[in-house]
């Protein structure tokens, strides 16, 4: 679940609920099938709903003490439009994340400070004309500092730059993100 604010944290802009069922092939590969429900709220306007079915494959590995994750996600998007027919589109997302322990000589990272660097690219692969008329949809680059509280709980805070192609032009968002990650 995610809650995203509007500019200057004035109000909630988006609520995302994203459950999924995951099958672990082994300790480094898994496949998830899921559903997303999201609403976008704009003050003085009607909220807009989007439903998505999604499938993703995650592969993880290490480069010395750095944990690396690759995520490939395919989304089937059912997008509500105001004063127009609802639309269907598909999007492919590729995400890579590096989690870098800030301790020396770490074989198994269970507690302490870390840095995270990630990037995610979004590509419209079907019906781009109903979304924004571009194959490239958006890019999210992120840099954070975090603390692993225990083996399965991380808290982090960072900066994200989100570049989005829209029907009316290009938007560049500067985002401060606070996240709590659990691995139960």
C-alpha atoms as a PDB file:
ATOM      1  CA  UNK A   1       0.000   0.000   0.000  1.00  0.00           C
ATOM      2  CA  UNK A   2       1.249   3.474  -0.851  1.00  0.00           C
ATOM      3  CA  UNK A   3      -0.038   6.939  -0.039  1.00  0.00           C
ATOM      4  CA  UNK A   4       1.361   9.761  -2.169  1.00  0.00           C
ATOM      5  CA  UNK A   5       0.908  13.433  -1.380  1.00  0.00           C
ATOM      6  CA  UNK A   6       0.421  16.359  -3.719  1.00  0.00           C
ATOM      7  CA  UNK A   7       2.852  19.266  -4.018  1.00  0.00           C
ATOM      8  CA  UNK A   8       4.051  20.580  -0.656  1.00  0.00           C
ATOM      9  CA  UNK A   9       2.197  17.717   1.142  1.00  0.00           C
ATOM     10  CA  UNK A  10      -1.076  19.684   1.009  1.00  0.00           C
ATOM     11  CA  UNK A  11      -3.335  16.664   0.503  1.00  0.00           C
ATOM     12  CA  UNK A  12      -3.335  13.020  -0.556  1.00  0.00           C
ATOM     13  CA  UNK A  13      -2.878  12.775  -4.339  1.00  0.00           C
ATOM     14  CA  UNK A  14      -2.836   8.987  -4.809  1.00  0.00           C
ATOM     15  CA  UNK A  15      -3.811   5.909  -2.847  1.00  0.00           C
ATOM     16  CA  UNK A  16      -2.418   2.632  -4.228  1.00  0.00           C
ATOM     17  CA  UNK A  17      -3.406  -0.815  -2.993  1.00  0.00           C
ATOM     18  CA  UNK A  18      -1.318  -3.537  -4.688  1.00  0.00           C
ATOM     19  CA  UNK A  19      -1.771  -7.121  -3.398  1.00  0.00           C
ATOM     20  CA  UNK A  20      -0.107 -10.066  -5.130  1.00  0.00           C
ATOM     21  CA  UNK A  21       0.630 -13.766  -4.852  1.00  0.00           C
ATOM     22  CA  UNK A  22       4.294 -14.747  -5.195  1.00  0.00           C
ATOM     23  CA  UNK A  23       5.890 -18.056  -6.123  1.00  0.00           C
ATOM     24  CA  UNK A  24       9.565 -18.432  -5.165  1.00  0.00           C
ATOM     25  CA  UNK A  25      11.452 -20.653  -7.618  1.00  0.00           C
ATOM     26  CA  UNK A  26      14.527 -20.412  -5.373  1.00  0.00           C
ATOM     27  CA  UNK A  27      16.260 -17.799  -3.212  1.00  0.00           C
ATOM     28  CA  UNK A  28      17.086 -15.565  -6.203  1.00  0.00           C
ATOM     29  CA  UNK A  29      14.049 -15.800  -8.533  1.00  0.00           C
ATOM     30  CA  UNK A  30      10.349 -15.246  -7.989  1.00  0.00           C
ATOM     31  CA  UNK A  31       7.180 -14.590  -9.965  1.00  0.00           C
ATOM     32  CA  UNK A  32       4.216 -12.529  -8.741  1.00  0.00           C
ATOM     33  CA  UNK A  33       0.683 -12.137 -10.095  1.00  0.00           C
ATOM     34  CA  UNK A  34      -1.172  -9.164  -8.722  1.00  0.00           C
ATOM     35  CA  UNK A  35      -3.843  -6.525  -8.889  1.00  0.00           C
ATOM     36  CA  UNK A  36      -3.645  -2.789  -8.275  1.00  0.00           C
ATOM     37  CA  UNK A  37      -6.421  -0.407  -7.310  1.00  0.00           C
ATOM     38  CA  UNK A  38      -5.518   3.254  -7.332  1.00  0.00           C
ATOM     39  CA  UNK A  39      -7.364   6.527  -7.090  1.00  0.00           C
ATOM     40  CA  UNK A  40      -6.054   9.966  -7.983  1.00  0.00           C
ATOM     41  CA  UNK A  41      -7.535  12.856  -6.022  1.00  0.00           C
ATOM     42  CA  UNK A  42      -7.474  16.430  -7.285  1.00  0.00           C
ATOM     43  CA  UNK A  43      -8.994  19.154  -5.065  1.00  0.00           C
ATOM     44  CA  UNK A  44     -12.215  20.439  -6.591  1.00  0.00           C
ATOM     45  CA  UNK A  45     -12.443  17.617  -9.129  1.00  0.00           C
ATOM     46  CA  UNK A  46     -13.809  14.107  -9.316  1.00  0.00           C
ATOM     47  CA  UNK A  47     -11.378  11.331  -8.307  1.00  0.00           C
ATOM     48  CA  UNK A  48     -10.104   9.047 -11.084  1.00  0.00           C
ATOM     49  CA  UNK A  49      -9.747   5.284 -10.639  1.00  0.00           C
ATOM     50  CA  UNK A  50      -7.313   2.925 -12.333  1.00  0.00           C
ATOM     51  CA  UNK A  51      -7.337  -0.863 -12.010  1.00  0.00           C
ATOM     52  CA  UNK A  52      -4.382  -2.980 -13.118  1.00  0.00           C
ATOM     53  CA  UNK A  53      -3.632  -6.646 -13.421  1.00  0.00           C
ATOM     54  CA  UNK A  54       0.130  -7.165 -13.285  1.00  0.00           C
ATOM     55  CA  UNK A  55       2.756  -9.870 -13.550  1.00  0.00           C
ATOM     56  CA  UNK A  56       6.363  -9.526 -12.450  1.00  0.00           C
ATOM     57  CA  UNK A  57       9.587 -11.488 -12.348  1.00  0.00           C
ATOM     58  CA  UNK A  58      12.337 -10.578  -9.848  1.00  0.00           C
ATOM     59  CA  UNK A  59      15.924 -11.804  -9.996  1.00  0.00           C
ATOM     60  CA  UNK A  60      18.347 -10.957  -7.169  1.00  0.00           C
ATOM     61  CA  UNK A  61      22.102 -11.467  -6.892  1.00  0.00           C
ATOM     62  CA  UNK A  62      25.162 -10.025  -5.175  1.00  0.00           C
ATOM     63  CA  UNK A  63      28.171  -8.158  -6.473  1.00  0.00           C
ATOM     64  CA  UNK A  64      30.612  -8.559  -3.568  1.00  0.00           C
ATOM     65  CA  UNK A  65      28.580  -7.171  -0.602  1.00  0.00           C
ATOM     66  CA  UNK A  66      26.095  -5.207  -2.774  1.00  0.00           C
ATOM     67  CA  UNK A  67      22.614  -6.704  -3.149  1.00  0.00           C
ATOM     68  CA  UNK A  68      21.188  -6.225  -6.659  1.00  0.00           C
ATOM     69  CA  UNK A  69      17.529  -6.658  -7.660  1.00  0.00           C
ATOM     70  CA  UNK A  70      16.095  -6.679 -11.184  1.00  0.00           C
ATOM     71  CA  UNK A  71      12.321  -6.478 -11.599  1.00  0.00           C
ATOM     72  CA  UNK A  72      10.430  -6.893 -14.866  1.00  0.00           C
ATOM     73  CA  UNK A  73       6.719  -5.998 -14.595  1.00  0.00           C
ATOM     74  CA  UNK A  74       3.957  -6.159 -17.218  1.00  0.00           C
ATOM     75  CA  UNK A  75       0.788  -4.178 -16.427  1.00  0.00           C
ATOM     76  CA  UNK A  76      -2.657  -4.341 -17.990  1.00  0.00           C
ATOM     77  CA  UNK A  77      -4.157  -0.918 -17.213  1.00  0.00           C
ATOM     78  CA  UNK A  78      -7.887  -0.132 -17.073  1.00  0.00           C
ATOM     79  CA  UNK A  79      -7.942   3.661 -16.810  1.00  0.00           C
ATOM     80  CA  UNK A  80     -11.007   5.750 -15.989  1.00  0.00           C
ATOM     81  CA  UNK A  81     -11.287   8.988 -17.964  1.00  0.00           C
ATOM     82  CA  UNK A  82     -13.319  12.059 -17.039  1.00  0.00           C
ATOM     83  CA  UNK A  83     -15.754  13.036 -19.827  1.00  0.00           C
ATOM     84  CA  UNK A  84     -14.461  10.213 -22.081  1.00  0.00           C
ATOM     85  CA  UNK A  85     -14.620   6.444 -22.414  1.00  0.00           C
ATOM     86  CA  UNK A  86     -12.432   4.388 -20.103  1.00  0.00           C
ATOM     87  CA  UNK A  87      -9.307   3.038 -21.810  1.00  0.00           C
ATOM     88  CA  UNK A  88      -7.103  -0.065 -21.797  1.00  0.00           C
ATOM     89  CA  UNK A  89      -3.316   0.001 -22.220  1.00  0.00           C
ATOM     90  CA  UNK A  90      -0.324  -2.187 -21.414  1.00  0.00           C
ATOM     91  CA  UNK A  91       2.950  -1.038 -19.960  1.00  0.00           C
ATOM     92  CA  UNK A  92       6.309  -2.731 -19.334  1.00  0.00           C
ATOM     93  CA  UNK A  93       8.471  -1.649 -16.410  1.00  0.00           C
ATOM     94  CA  UNK A  94      12.123  -2.477 -15.688  1.00  0.00           C
ATOM     95  CA  UNK A  95      13.556  -1.712 -12.251  1.00  0.00           C
ATOM     96  CA  UNK A  96      17.103  -2.192 -10.948  1.00  0.00           C
ATOM     97  CA  UNK A  97      18.146  -1.535  -7.338  1.00  0.00           C
ATOM     98  CA  UNK A  98      21.514  -1.647  -5.586  1.00  0.00           C
ATOM     99  CA  UNK A  99      21.541  -1.897  -1.783  1.00  0.00           C
ATOM    100  CA  UNK A 100      25.011  -1.041  -0.499  1.00  0.00           C
ATOM    101  CA  UNK A 101      25.867  -1.816   3.163  1.00  0.00           C
ATOM    102  CA  UNK A 102      27.949   0.973   4.701  1.00  0.00           C
ATOM    103  CA  UNK A 103      29.871  -1.461   6.947  1.00  0.00           C
ATOM    104  CA  UNK A 104      33.184  -2.871   5.839  1.00  0.00           C
ATOM    105  CA  UNK A 105      33.634  -6.603   5.192  1.00  0.00           C
ATOM    106  CA  UNK A 106      29.952  -7.522   5.286  1.00  0.00           C
ATOM    107  CA  UNK A 107      29.200 -11.076   4.172  1.00  0.00           C
ATOM    108  CA  UNK A 108      25.636 -11.221   5.533  1.00  0.00           C
ATOM    109  CA  UNK A 109      24.003  -7.815   6.073  1.00  0.00           C
ATOM    110  CA  UNK A 110      21.561  -8.071   9.002  1.00  0.00           C
ATOM    111  CA  UNK A 111      21.747  -4.661  10.699  1.00  0.00           C
ATOM    112  CA  UNK A 112      23.142  -1.185  10.075  1.00  0.00           C
ATOM    113  CA  UNK A 113      23.342   1.739   7.673  1.00  0.00           C
ATOM    114  CA  UNK A 114      23.062   1.317   3.909  1.00  0.00           C
ATOM    115  CA  UNK A 115      22.738   3.345   0.725  1.00  0.00           C
ATOM    116  CA  UNK A 116      20.235   2.491  -2.008  1.00  0.00           C
ATOM    117  CA  UNK A 117      20.459   3.458  -5.674  1.00  0.00           C
ATOM    118  CA  UNK A 118      17.723   2.505  -8.113  1.00  0.00           C
ATOM    119  CA  UNK A 119      16.192   3.330 -11.463  1.00  0.00           C
ATOM    120  CA  UNK A 120      12.921   2.318 -13.108  1.00  0.00           C
ATOM    121  CA  UNK A 121      11.910   2.792 -16.742  1.00  0.00           C
ATOM    122  CA  UNK A 122       8.246   2.629 -17.881  1.00  0.00           C
ATOM    123  CA  UNK A 123       7.429   1.795 -21.526  1.00  0.00           C
ATOM    124  CA  UNK A 124       3.984   1.902 -23.159  1.00  0.00           C
ATOM    125  CA  UNK A 125       3.741  -1.239 -25.285  1.00  0.00           C
ATOM    126  CA  UNK A 126       0.046  -1.251 -26.260  1.00  0.00           C
ATOM    127  CA  UNK A 127      -2.377   1.623 -26.926  1.00  0.00           C
ATOM    128  CA  UNK A 128       0.121   4.384 -26.167  1.00  0.00           C
ATOM    129  CA  UNK A 129      -2.216   6.762 -28.033  1.00  0.00           C
ATOM    130  CA  UNK A 130      -4.773   6.557 -25.178  1.00  0.00           C
ATOM    131  CA  UNK A 131      -2.106   7.287 -22.533  1.00  0.00           C
ATOM    132  CA  UNK A 132       0.366   9.881 -23.828  1.00  0.00           C
ATOM    133  CA  UNK A 133       1.323   9.010 -27.456  1.00  0.00           C
ATOM    134  CA  UNK A 134       4.851   7.974 -26.403  1.00  0.00           C
ATOM    135  CA  UNK A 135       6.625   4.611 -26.173  1.00  0.00           C
ATOM    136  CA  UNK A 136       8.650   6.062 -23.266  1.00  0.00           C
ATOM    137  CA  UNK A 137       6.241   6.788 -20.420  1.00  0.00           C
ATOM    138  CA  UNK A 138       8.419   7.732 -17.450  1.00  0.00           C
ATOM    139  CA  UNK A 139      11.675   7.241 -15.570  1.00  0.00           C
ATOM    140  CA  UNK A 140      12.204   7.174 -11.798  1.00  0.00           C
ATOM    141  CA  UNK A 141      15.759   7.625 -10.480  1.00  0.00           C
ATOM    142  CA  UNK A 142      16.222   7.265  -6.708  1.00  0.00           C
ATOM    143  CA  UNK A 143      18.998   7.670  -4.135  1.00  0.00           C
ATOM    144  CA  UNK A 144      18.484   6.948  -0.419  1.00  0.00           C
ATOM    145  CA  UNK A 145      20.061   6.321   2.957  1.00  0.00           C
ATOM    146  CA  UNK A 146      18.578   3.662   5.161  1.00  0.00           C
ATOM    147  CA  UNK A 147      18.942   1.614   8.278  1.00  0.00           C
ATOM    148  CA  UNK A 148      18.327  -2.118   8.513  1.00  0.00           C
ATOM    149  CA  UNK A 149      16.625  -2.406  11.900  1.00  0.00           C
ATOM    150  CA  UNK A 150      16.789  -6.198  11.811  1.00  0.00           C
ATOM    151  CA  UNK A 151      17.213  -8.914   9.200  1.00  0.00           C
ATOM    152  CA  UNK A 152      13.716  -8.397   7.726  1.00  0.00           C
ATOM    153  CA  UNK A 153      12.950  -4.686   8.328  1.00  0.00           C
ATOM    154  CA  UNK A 154      14.494  -1.641   6.598  1.00  0.00           C
ATOM    155  CA  UNK A 155      13.671   2.033   7.036  1.00  0.00           C
ATOM    156  CA  UNK A 156      14.918   4.469   4.406  1.00  0.00           C
ATOM    157  CA  UNK A 157      14.586   8.048   3.217  1.00  0.00           C
ATOM    158  CA  UNK A 158      15.676   9.383  -0.130  1.00  0.00           C
ATOM    159  CA  UNK A 159      15.246  11.589  -3.157  1.00  0.00           C
ATOM    160  CA  UNK A 160      13.491  10.516  -6.343  1.00  0.00           C
ATOM    161  CA  UNK A 161      13.476  12.325  -9.661  1.00  0.00           C
ATOM    162  CA  UNK A 162      10.455  11.305 -11.736  1.00  0.00           C
ATOM    163  CA  UNK A 163      10.389  12.303 -15.409  1.00  0.00           C
ATOM    164  CA  UNK A 164       6.953  11.746 -17.002  1.00  0.00           C
ATOM    165  CA  UNK A 165       5.789  12.138 -20.602  1.00  0.00           C
ATOM    166  CA  UNK A 166       2.197  13.366 -20.619  1.00  0.00           C
ATOM    167  CA  UNK A 167      -0.337  14.313 -23.273  1.00  0.00           C
ATOM    168  CA  UNK A 168       0.142  17.991 -22.425  1.00  0.00           C
ATOM    169  CA  UNK A 169       3.951  17.861 -22.117  1.00  0.00           C
ATOM    170  CA  UNK A 170       6.845  16.678 -19.997  1.00  0.00           C
ATOM    171  CA  UNK A 171       6.697  16.796 -16.171  1.00  0.00           C
ATOM    172  CA  UNK A 172       9.671  16.513 -13.857  1.00  0.00           C
ATOM    173  CA  UNK A 173       8.820  15.757 -10.203  1.00  0.00           C
ATOM    174  CA  UNK A 174      11.223  16.080  -7.271  1.00  0.00           C
ATOM    175  CA  UNK A 175      10.105  13.683  -4.547  1.00  0.00           C
ATOM    176  CA  UNK A 176      11.173  13.027  -0.965  1.00  0.00           C
ATOM    177  CA  UNK A 177      10.304   9.423  -0.142  1.00  0.00           C
ATOM    178  CA  UNK A 178      10.147   7.675   3.221  1.00  0.00           C
ATOM    179  CA  UNK A 179       9.750   3.893   3.057  1.00  0.00           C
ATOM    180  CA  UNK A 180       9.452   0.959   5.420  1.00  0.00           C
ATOM    181  CA  UNK A 181      10.339  -2.397   3.808  1.00  0.00           C
ATOM    182  CA  UNK A 182       9.475  -5.733   5.358  1.00  0.00           C
ATOM    183  CA  UNK A 183      10.436  -9.225   4.232  1.00  0.00           C
ATOM    184  CA  UNK A 184       8.225 -11.667   6.141  1.00  0.00           C
END
